[in-house]
Amino acid sequence: MIRPELQIWFRRHAELLSAGGLAVLGLWWGLRSFGILQMIGWAMVPIGLGWAVIAWRRLRFRSAGRGPGVVVVDEGEVSYFGPLEGGRVQTVELARLVLDPTARPAHWVLEQDGHRPLHIPVNAEGADALFDVFANLPGMRTERMLDELNGQGRFPVVIWQRQAGAAPRHRLH
């Protein structure tokens, strides 16, 4: 009943539409209700707007997911299973994150001391999960990362690097 292109568009933008819906519902309740429902409505507006900002950033990061290989993020470990190579990187031991636009398609290069760099195509299936991993790196500037990802760079760019002397933190929880 709904055209396939429209279904794909709605699936791709679902988080952003949900966040906007929450903010609009909160605004409606804030303006049209009274008492506790009005207070809940006014509280929903900034929550929805904050969620919309995050959803917009994730949308800019997201690709079609039709590239080579599969990315799995589990328990602080990024695994890539590709047709020619693969590997794993512990996120707490990540030393450097590089975006290499010279590769076709562009690749994320995750470097961990003492190991081979892990090259992950930006459009690999499941690569969307990398946004949360990258956003949680200490000192990461997500807007810069998104600008570089959506730009037309011609050279590899260091997106994030662990500060000198900062040892990786190993936590149980």
N, C-alpha and C. Protein backbone atom coordinates (compact mmCIF):
# COMPACT_ATOMS: atom_id res chain seq x y z
N MET A 1 0.82 -1.18 0.00
CA MET A 1 0.00 0.00 0.00
C MET A 1 0.88 1.27 0.00
N ILE A 2 1.99 1.24 0.74
CA ILE A 2 2.91 2.38 0.75
C ILE A 2 4.09 2.03 -0.15
N ARG A 3 4.46 2.96 -0.99
CA ARG A 3 5.55 2.72 -1.93
C ARG A 3 6.83 2.36 -1.19
N PRO A 4 7.65 1.47 -1.77
CA PRO A 4 8.89 1.03 -1.10
C PRO A 4 9.84 2.18 -0.79
N GLU A 5 9.93 3.19 -1.67
CA GLU A 5 10.83 4.33 -1.41
C GLU A 5 10.39 5.09 -0.18
N LEU A 6 9.06 5.21 -0.01
CA LEU A 6 8.52 5.92 1.15
C LEU A 6 8.75 5.13 2.43
N GLN A 7 8.62 3.81 2.34
CA GLN A 7 8.89 2.96 3.50
C GLN A 7 10.34 3.10 3.95
N ILE A 8 11.24 3.12 2.98
CA ILE A 8 12.66 3.27 3.30
C ILE A 8 12.91 4.63 3.95
N TRP A 9 12.28 5.69 3.39
CA TRP A 9 12.45 7.03 3.95
C TRP A 9 11.95 7.09 5.39
N PHE A 10 10.76 6.51 5.64
CA PHE A 10 10.21 6.54 7.00
C PHE A 10 11.07 5.73 7.97
N ARG A 11 11.58 4.59 7.52
CA ARG A 11 12.46 3.79 8.38
C ARG A 11 13.74 4.55 8.72
N ARG A 12 14.29 5.25 7.73
CA ARG A 12 15.53 6.00 7.93
C ARG A 12 15.32 7.18 8.87
N HIS A 13 14.16 7.83 8.80
CA HIS A 13 13.89 9.02 9.59
C HIS A 13 13.01 8.75 10.81
N ALA A 14 12.79 7.50 11.18
CA ALA A 14 11.85 7.15 12.25
C ALA A 14 12.22 7.80 13.58
N GLU A 15 13.49 7.79 13.95
CA GLU A 15 13.90 8.36 15.23
C GLU A 15 13.66 9.87 15.26
N LEU A 16 13.99 10.54 14.18
CA LEU A 16 13.78 11.99 14.11
C LEU A 16 12.29 12.32 14.14
N LEU A 17 11.48 11.56 13.44
CA LEU A 17 10.03 11.80 13.45
C LEU A 17 9.44 11.54 14.83
N SER A 18 9.92 10.51 15.52
CA SER A 18 9.43 10.22 16.87
C SER A 18 9.79 11.33 17.84
N ALA A 19 11.01 11.84 17.74
CA ALA A 19 11.43 12.93 18.61
C ALA A 19 10.60 14.18 18.36
N GLY A 20 10.38 14.49 17.10
CA GLY A 20 9.54 15.64 16.77
C GLY A 20 8.11 15.46 17.25
N GLY A 21 7.60 14.24 17.12
CA GLY A 21 6.25 13.95 17.62
C GLY A 21 6.14 14.13 19.12
N LEU A 22 7.17 13.72 19.85
CA LEU A 22 7.17 13.89 21.31
C LEU A 22 7.16 15.38 21.68
N ALA A 23 7.97 16.16 20.98
CA ALA A 23 8.01 17.60 21.27
C ALA A 23 6.68 18.27 20.92
N VAL A 24 6.08 17.89 19.81
CA VAL A 24 4.79 18.48 19.41
C VAL A 24 3.70 18.08 20.38
N LEU A 25 3.67 16.80 20.78
CA LEU A 25 2.67 16.36 21.77
C LEU A 25 2.86 17.11 23.09
N GLY A 26 4.10 17.28 23.51
CA GLY A 26 4.37 18.02 24.74
C GLY A 26 3.92 19.46 24.65
N LEU A 27 4.15 20.07 23.49
CA LEU A 27 3.70 21.45 23.28
C LEU A 27 2.17 21.53 23.30
N TRP A 28 1.53 20.56 22.67
CA TRP A 28 0.06 20.52 22.66
C TRP A 28 -0.48 20.41 24.09
N TRP A 29 0.09 19.47 24.86
CA TRP A 29 -0.37 19.30 26.24
C TRP A 29 -0.06 20.55 27.07
N GLY A 30 1.10 21.14 26.83
CA GLY A 30 1.46 22.34 27.58
C GLY A 30 0.54 23.51 27.32
N LEU A 31 0.06 23.64 26.10
CA LEU A 31 -0.80 24.77 25.74
C LEU A 31 -2.29 24.49 25.97
N ARG A 32 -2.71 23.25 25.86
CA ARG A 32 -4.14 22.94 25.88
C ARG A 32 -4.63 22.27 27.16
N SER A 33 -3.73 21.81 28.01
CA SER A 33 -4.15 21.09 29.21
C SER A 33 -3.95 21.97 30.44
N PHE A 34 -4.22 21.37 31.59
CA PHE A 34 -3.99 22.06 32.85
C PHE A 34 -3.57 21.03 33.89
N GLY A 35 -3.00 21.52 34.97
CA GLY A 35 -2.59 20.64 36.06
C GLY A 35 -1.35 19.82 35.72
N ILE A 36 -1.38 18.56 36.17
CA ILE A 36 -0.21 17.69 36.02
C ILE A 36 0.08 17.39 34.55
N LEU A 37 -0.94 17.24 33.73
CA LEU A 37 -0.74 16.96 32.31
C LEU A 37 -0.04 18.14 31.61
N GLN A 38 -0.35 19.35 32.02
CA GLN A 38 0.30 20.52 31.45
C GLN A 38 1.78 20.55 31.84
N MET A 39 2.10 20.22 33.09
CA MET A 39 3.50 20.18 33.53
C MET A 39 4.27 19.08 32.79
N ILE A 40 3.64 17.92 32.62
CA ILE A 40 4.29 16.84 31.88
C ILE A 40 4.54 17.28 30.43
N GLY A 41 3.55 17.96 29.86
CA GLY A 41 3.71 18.45 28.49
C GLY A 41 4.88 19.40 28.34
N TRP A 42 5.00 20.35 29.26
CA TRP A 42 6.13 21.29 29.18
C TRP A 42 7.45 20.59 29.40
N ALA A 43 7.47 19.53 30.20
CA ALA A 43 8.72 18.77 30.40
C ALA A 43 9.07 17.96 29.15
N MET A 44 8.07 17.55 28.40
CA MET A 44 8.31 16.74 27.19
C MET A 44 8.93 17.56 26.06
N VAL A 45 8.68 18.85 26.03
CA VAL A 45 9.18 19.68 24.93
C VAL A 45 10.71 19.68 24.87
N PRO A 46 11.43 20.03 25.94
CA PRO A 46 12.90 20.02 25.83
C PRO A 46 13.47 18.60 25.65
N ILE A 47 12.79 17.61 26.22
CA ILE A 47 13.25 16.22 26.02
C ILE A 47 13.14 15.85 24.54
N GLY A 48 12.00 16.17 23.94
CA GLY A 48 11.82 15.89 22.52
C GLY A 48 12.79 16.64 21.64
N LEU A 49 13.05 17.90 21.96
CA LEU A 49 13.99 18.69 21.16
C LEU A 49 15.42 18.17 21.31
N GLY A 50 15.81 17.79 22.53
CA GLY A 50 17.14 17.21 22.73
C GLY A 50 17.30 15.90 21.98
N TRP A 51 16.26 15.09 22.04
CA TRP A 51 16.27 13.82 21.32
C TRP A 51 16.36 14.08 19.81
N ALA A 52 15.67 15.11 19.32
CA ALA A 52 15.69 15.44 17.90
C ALA A 52 17.10 15.83 17.44
N VAL A 53 17.84 16.57 18.27
CA VAL A 53 19.21 16.95 17.93
C VAL A 53 20.08 15.69 17.78
N ILE A 54 19.95 14.78 18.73
CA ILE A 54 20.73 13.54 18.67
C ILE A 54 20.31 12.71 17.46
N ALA A 55 19.01 12.63 17.20
CA ALA A 55 18.50 11.88 16.05
C ALA A 55 19.01 12.48 14.74
N TRP A 56 19.09 13.81 14.67
CA TRP A 56 19.59 14.46 13.46
C TRP A 56 21.06 14.11 13.23
N ARG A 57 21.84 14.08 14.31
CA ARG A 57 23.26 13.70 14.17
C ARG A 57 23.39 12.25 13.72
N ARG A 58 22.59 11.37 14.30
CA ARG A 58 22.63 9.96 13.88
C ARG A 58 22.22 9.81 12.43
N LEU A 59 21.24 10.59 12.01
CA LEU A 59 20.78 10.53 10.62
C LEU A 59 21.89 10.97 9.67
N ARG A 60 22.65 11.98 10.05
CA ARG A 60 23.78 12.43 9.22
C ARG A 60 24.88 11.38 9.16
N PHE A 61 24.99 10.56 10.20
CA PHE A 61 26.02 9.52 10.27
C PHE A 61 25.62 8.28 9.47
N ARG A 62 24.32 8.03 9.44
CA ARG A 62 23.78 6.80 8.86
C ARG A 62 24.01 6.74 7.36
N SER A 63 24.30 5.53 6.86
CA SER A 63 24.46 5.31 5.43
C SER A 63 23.45 4.25 4.99
N ALA A 64 23.49 3.92 3.73
CA ALA A 64 22.54 2.95 3.19
C ALA A 64 22.77 1.55 3.74
N GLY A 65 23.99 1.26 4.21
CA GLY A 65 24.28 -0.05 4.79
C GLY A 65 24.39 -1.16 3.77
N ARG A 66 24.76 -0.83 2.54
CA ARG A 66 24.88 -1.84 1.49
C ARG A 66 26.34 -2.09 1.12
N GLY A 67 27.24 -1.69 2.00
CA GLY A 67 28.66 -1.87 1.72
C GLY A 67 29.12 -3.26 2.12
N PRO A 68 30.39 -3.53 1.89
CA PRO A 68 30.92 -4.85 2.19
C PRO A 68 31.10 -5.07 3.70
N GLY A 69 30.72 -6.24 4.16
CA GLY A 69 30.96 -6.64 5.54
C GLY A 69 29.87 -6.26 6.50
N VAL A 70 30.07 -6.72 7.74
CA VAL A 70 29.10 -6.50 8.82
C VAL A 70 29.85 -6.01 10.05
N VAL A 71 29.28 -4.99 10.71
CA VAL A 71 29.85 -4.45 11.95
C VAL A 71 28.95 -4.88 13.10
N VAL A 72 29.59 -5.35 14.18
CA VAL A 72 28.86 -5.73 15.39
C VAL A 72 29.52 -5.02 16.56
N VAL A 73 28.71 -4.32 17.36
CA VAL A 73 29.21 -3.67 18.57
C VAL A 73 28.59 -4.40 19.75
N ASP A 74 29.45 -4.96 20.62
CA ASP A 74 28.95 -5.74 21.74
C ASP A 74 29.92 -5.64 22.91
N GLU A 75 29.39 -5.23 24.06
CA GLU A 75 30.18 -5.21 25.30
C GLU A 75 31.48 -4.42 25.16
N GLY A 76 31.43 -3.26 24.52
CA GLY A 76 32.62 -2.42 24.41
C GLY A 76 33.62 -2.92 23.40
N GLU A 77 33.19 -3.75 22.49
CA GLU A 77 34.08 -4.28 21.46
C GLU A 77 33.44 -4.08 20.09
N VAL A 78 34.22 -3.54 19.16
CA VAL A 78 33.76 -3.36 17.79
C VAL A 78 34.37 -4.48 16.96
N SER A 79 33.50 -5.25 16.30
CA SER A 79 33.95 -6.34 15.44
C SER A 79 33.52 -6.05 14.02
N TYR A 80 34.41 -6.33 13.08
CA TYR A 80 34.09 -6.17 11.67
C TYR A 80 34.39 -7.48 10.97
N PHE A 81 33.39 -7.98 10.26
CA PHE A 81 33.53 -9.21 9.50
C PHE A 81 33.35 -8.84 8.02
N GLY A 82 34.46 -8.76 7.30
CA GLY A 82 34.43 -8.33 5.91
C GLY A 82 34.74 -9.47 4.97
N PRO A 83 34.56 -9.22 3.67
CA PRO A 83 34.83 -10.27 2.69
C PRO A 83 36.32 -10.59 2.54
N LEU A 84 37.18 -9.62 2.80
CA LEU A 84 38.62 -9.84 2.64
C LEU A 84 39.39 -9.78 3.95
N GLU A 85 38.89 -9.03 4.91
CA GLU A 85 39.56 -8.91 6.19
C GLU A 85 38.54 -8.63 7.27
N GLY A 86 38.99 -8.67 8.49
CA GLY A 86 38.12 -8.39 9.63
C GLY A 86 38.97 -8.26 10.88
N GLY A 87 38.31 -8.06 11.98
CA GLY A 87 39.04 -7.94 13.22
C GLY A 87 38.17 -7.35 14.31
N ARG A 88 38.80 -7.15 15.47
CA ARG A 88 38.11 -6.61 16.63
C ARG A 88 38.98 -5.56 17.30
N VAL A 89 38.29 -4.58 17.90
CA VAL A 89 38.97 -3.53 18.65
C VAL A 89 38.19 -3.29 19.93
N GLN A 90 38.90 -3.24 21.05
CA GLN A 90 38.29 -2.86 22.33
C GLN A 90 38.16 -1.35 22.35
N THR A 91 36.97 -0.84 22.62
CA THR A 91 36.78 0.61 22.56
C THR A 91 37.56 1.34 23.64
N VAL A 92 37.77 0.73 24.79
CA VAL A 92 38.52 1.41 25.85
C VAL A 92 40.01 1.48 25.51
N GLU A 93 40.48 0.65 24.61
CA GLU A 93 41.89 0.65 24.22
C GLU A 93 42.13 1.33 22.88
N LEU A 94 41.09 1.95 22.33
CA LEU A 94 41.22 2.64 21.06
C LEU A 94 42.20 3.81 21.21
N ALA A 95 43.18 3.89 20.33
CA ALA A 95 44.19 4.94 20.40
C ALA A 95 43.91 6.08 19.42
N ARG A 96 43.34 5.73 18.27
CA ARG A 96 43.12 6.75 17.25
C ARG A 96 41.99 6.33 16.33
N LEU A 97 41.23 7.32 15.88
CA LEU A 97 40.16 7.11 14.91
C LEU A 97 40.44 7.99 13.71
N VAL A 98 40.51 7.38 12.54
CA VAL A 98 40.84 8.10 11.31
C VAL A 98 39.73 7.84 10.28
N LEU A 99 39.36 8.87 9.55
CA LEU A 99 38.46 8.72 8.42
C LEU A 99 39.30 8.79 7.15
N ASP A 100 39.24 7.73 6.36
CA ASP A 100 40.03 7.65 5.12
C ASP A 100 39.11 7.74 3.91
N PRO A 101 38.94 8.94 3.35
CA PRO A 101 38.06 9.08 2.19
C PRO A 101 38.70 8.63 0.88
N THR A 102 40.00 8.28 0.90
CA THR A 102 40.66 7.84 -0.33
C THR A 102 40.29 6.41 -0.68
N ALA A 103 39.84 5.63 0.30
CA ALA A 103 39.39 4.27 0.03
C ALA A 103 38.01 4.34 -0.61
N ARG A 104 37.65 3.35 -1.38
CA ARG A 104 36.33 3.31 -2.01
C ARG A 104 35.60 2.06 -1.57
N PRO A 105 34.55 2.20 -0.79
CA PRO A 105 34.01 3.41 -0.18
C PRO A 105 34.93 3.91 0.93
N ALA A 106 34.62 5.09 1.46
CA ALA A 106 35.43 5.65 2.54
C ALA A 106 35.44 4.66 3.72
N HIS A 107 36.51 4.69 4.51
CA HIS A 107 36.68 3.75 5.62
C HIS A 107 36.94 4.48 6.92
N TRP A 108 36.44 3.91 8.00
CA TRP A 108 36.88 4.27 9.33
C TRP A 108 38.09 3.41 9.63
N VAL A 109 39.13 4.00 10.17
CA VAL A 109 40.32 3.24 10.56
C VAL A 109 40.44 3.36 12.07
N LEU A 110 40.27 2.23 12.76
CA LEU A 110 40.34 2.18 14.22
C LEU A 110 41.69 1.59 14.59
N GLU A 111 42.49 2.38 15.30
CA GLU A 111 43.84 1.95 15.66
C GLU A 111 43.92 1.68 17.15
N GLN A 112 44.50 0.54 17.48
CA GLN A 112 44.70 0.12 18.86
C GLN A 112 46.18 -0.23 18.98
N ASP A 113 46.84 0.27 20.03
CA ASP A 113 48.27 0.03 20.19
C ASP A 113 48.57 -1.46 20.21
N GLY A 114 49.59 -1.85 19.45
CA GLY A 114 50.03 -3.23 19.43
C GLY A 114 49.22 -4.14 18.52
N HIS A 115 48.29 -3.58 17.75
CA HIS A 115 47.45 -4.39 16.86
C HIS A 115 47.39 -3.73 15.48
N ARG A 116 47.03 -4.54 14.49
CA ARG A 116 46.82 -3.99 13.15
C ARG A 116 45.61 -3.07 13.16
N PRO A 117 45.65 -1.98 12.39
CA PRO A 117 44.47 -1.11 12.31
C PRO A 117 43.30 -1.87 11.69
N LEU A 118 42.11 -1.56 12.16
CA LEU A 118 40.89 -2.18 11.65
C LEU A 118 40.23 -1.20 10.69
N HIS A 119 40.07 -1.59 9.44
CA HIS A 119 39.47 -0.74 8.41
C HIS A 119 38.02 -1.19 8.22
N ILE A 120 37.08 -0.23 8.43
CA ILE A 120 35.65 -0.53 8.33
C ILE A 120 35.04 0.43 7.32
N PRO A 121 34.41 -0.09 6.25
CA PRO A 121 33.73 0.80 5.31
C PRO A 121 32.60 1.57 6.01
N VAL A 122 32.43 2.83 5.69
CA VAL A 122 31.41 3.64 6.35
C VAL A 122 30.01 3.15 6.03
N ASN A 123 29.85 2.41 4.94
CA ASN A 123 28.53 1.93 4.57
C ASN A 123 28.34 0.43 4.81
N ALA A 124 29.20 -0.16 5.65
CA ALA A 124 29.03 -1.57 5.98
C ALA A 124 27.73 -1.76 6.76
N GLU A 125 27.17 -2.94 6.65
CA GLU A 125 25.94 -3.23 7.38
C GLU A 125 26.22 -3.16 8.88
N GLY A 126 25.41 -2.41 9.61
CA GLY A 126 25.57 -2.27 11.05
C GLY A 126 26.52 -1.15 11.46
N ALA A 127 27.09 -0.42 10.49
CA ALA A 127 28.04 0.65 10.81
C ALA A 127 27.36 1.81 11.53
N ASP A 128 26.04 1.87 11.50
CA ASP A 128 25.31 2.92 12.22
C ASP A 128 25.59 2.86 13.72
N ALA A 129 25.85 1.67 14.23
CA ALA A 129 26.11 1.50 15.67
C ALA A 129 27.42 2.17 16.09
N LEU A 130 28.28 2.46 15.14
CA LEU A 130 29.55 3.11 15.47
C LEU A 130 29.36 4.54 15.96
N PHE A 131 28.25 5.18 15.61
CA PHE A 131 28.02 6.55 16.05
C PHE A 131 28.06 6.64 17.57
N ASP A 132 27.36 5.75 18.26
CA ASP A 132 27.34 5.78 19.72
C ASP A 132 28.71 5.46 20.31
N VAL A 133 29.44 4.55 19.67
CA VAL A 133 30.79 4.22 20.14
C VAL A 133 31.69 5.45 20.02
N PHE A 134 31.65 6.10 18.86
CA PHE A 134 32.51 7.26 18.63
C PHE A 134 32.09 8.44 19.51
N ALA A 135 30.80 8.64 19.68
CA ALA A 135 30.32 9.78 20.48
C ALA A 135 30.73 9.65 21.94
N ASN A 136 30.98 8.44 22.42
CA ASN A 136 31.37 8.23 23.82
C ASN A 136 32.87 8.29 24.05
N LEU A 137 33.64 8.54 23.01
CA LEU A 137 35.09 8.68 23.20
C LEU A 137 35.35 10.01 23.91
N PRO A 138 36.24 10.02 24.90
CA PRO A 138 36.49 11.26 25.65
C PRO A 138 37.04 12.37 24.76
N GLY A 139 36.36 13.50 24.77
CA GLY A 139 36.81 14.65 23.99
C GLY A 139 36.38 14.63 22.53
N MET A 140 35.56 13.67 22.14
CA MET A 140 35.12 13.58 20.74
C MET A 140 34.21 14.76 20.39
N ARG A 141 34.47 15.36 19.25
CA ARG A 141 33.62 16.45 18.74
C ARG A 141 32.80 15.87 17.59
N THR A 142 31.55 15.50 17.89
CA THR A 142 30.73 14.80 16.90
C THR A 142 30.41 15.67 15.68
N GLU A 143 30.23 16.97 15.88
CA GLU A 143 29.94 17.83 14.72
C GLU A 143 31.10 17.82 13.73
N ARG A 144 32.32 17.86 14.24
CA ARG A 144 33.49 17.81 13.35
C ARG A 144 33.53 16.48 12.61
N MET A 145 33.25 15.39 13.33
CA MET A 145 33.24 14.07 12.72
C MET A 145 32.21 14.02 11.59
N LEU A 146 31.01 14.54 11.85
CA LEU A 146 29.95 14.51 10.84
C LEU A 146 30.29 15.41 9.65
N ASP A 147 30.91 16.55 9.91
CA ASP A 147 31.33 17.43 8.81
C ASP A 147 32.35 16.74 7.91
N GLU A 148 33.31 16.07 8.52
CA GLU A 148 34.33 15.36 7.74
C GLU A 148 33.71 14.19 6.98
N LEU A 149 32.78 13.48 7.61
CA LEU A 149 32.14 12.33 6.97
C LEU A 149 31.32 12.76 5.77
N ASN A 150 30.62 13.87 5.88
CA ASN A 150 29.75 14.33 4.80
C ASN A 150 30.44 15.29 3.85
N GLY A 151 31.69 15.62 4.13
CA GLY A 151 32.46 16.50 3.26
C GLY A 151 33.08 15.72 2.11
N GLN A 152 33.84 16.42 1.32
CA GLN A 152 34.49 15.83 0.15
C GLN A 152 36.01 15.81 0.35
N GLY A 153 36.45 15.27 1.49
CA GLY A 153 37.87 15.24 1.79
C GLY A 153 38.66 14.41 0.80
N ARG A 154 39.93 14.75 0.64
CA ARG A 154 40.80 14.04 -0.29
C ARG A 154 41.93 13.32 0.41
N PHE A 155 42.05 13.52 1.73
CA PHE A 155 43.15 12.91 2.47
C PHE A 155 42.60 12.31 3.75
N PRO A 156 43.27 11.27 4.28
CA PRO A 156 42.84 10.72 5.57
C PRO A 156 42.93 11.79 6.67
N VAL A 157 41.94 11.80 7.56
CA VAL A 157 41.85 12.80 8.61
C VAL A 157 41.74 12.10 9.96
N VAL A 158 42.56 12.54 10.92
CA VAL A 158 42.45 12.03 12.28
C VAL A 158 41.25 12.71 12.93
N ILE A 159 40.24 11.92 13.25
CA ILE A 159 39.02 12.44 13.84
C ILE A 159 39.16 12.54 15.35
N TRP A 160 39.81 11.54 15.94
CA TRP A 160 39.99 11.52 17.39
C TRP A 160 41.27 10.78 17.70
N GLN A 161 41.95 11.24 18.77
CA GLN A 161 43.17 10.58 19.22
C GLN A 161 43.24 10.67 20.73
N ARG A 162 43.63 9.56 21.35
CA ARG A 162 43.77 9.56 22.81
C ARG A 162 44.86 10.54 23.19
N GLN A 163 44.62 11.31 24.24
CA GLN A 163 45.59 12.30 24.69
C GLN A 163 46.85 11.60 25.18
N ALA A 164 47.99 12.24 24.94
CA ALA A 164 49.27 11.67 25.35
C ALA A 164 49.29 11.48 26.86
N GLY A 165 49.72 10.32 27.28
CA GLY A 165 49.83 10.03 28.70
C GLY A 165 48.54 9.51 29.32
N ALA A 166 47.45 9.56 28.58
CA ALA A 166 46.18 9.06 29.10
C ALA A 166 46.09 7.57 28.85
N ALA A 167 46.17 6.81 29.89
CA ALA A 167 46.08 5.36 29.78
C ALA A 167 44.62 4.94 29.65
N PRO A 168 44.33 3.88 28.91
CA PRO A 168 42.96 3.41 28.81
C PRO A 168 42.44 2.96 30.16
N ARG A 169 41.19 3.28 30.44
CA ARG A 169 40.58 2.88 31.71
C ARG A 169 39.89 1.54 31.54
N HIS A 170 40.24 0.61 32.38
CA HIS A 170 39.60 -0.69 32.36
C HIS A 170 38.63 -0.76 33.54
N ARG A 171 37.36 -0.90 33.21
CA ARG A 171 36.34 -0.94 34.25
C ARG A 171 35.60 -2.26 34.19
N LEU A 172 35.11 -2.68 35.32
CA LEU A 172 34.27 -3.87 35.34
C LEU A 172 32.86 -3.53 34.89
N HIS A 173 32.39 -2.34 35.27
CA HIS A 173 31.00 -1.98 34.93
C HIS A 173 30.97 -0.60 34.35
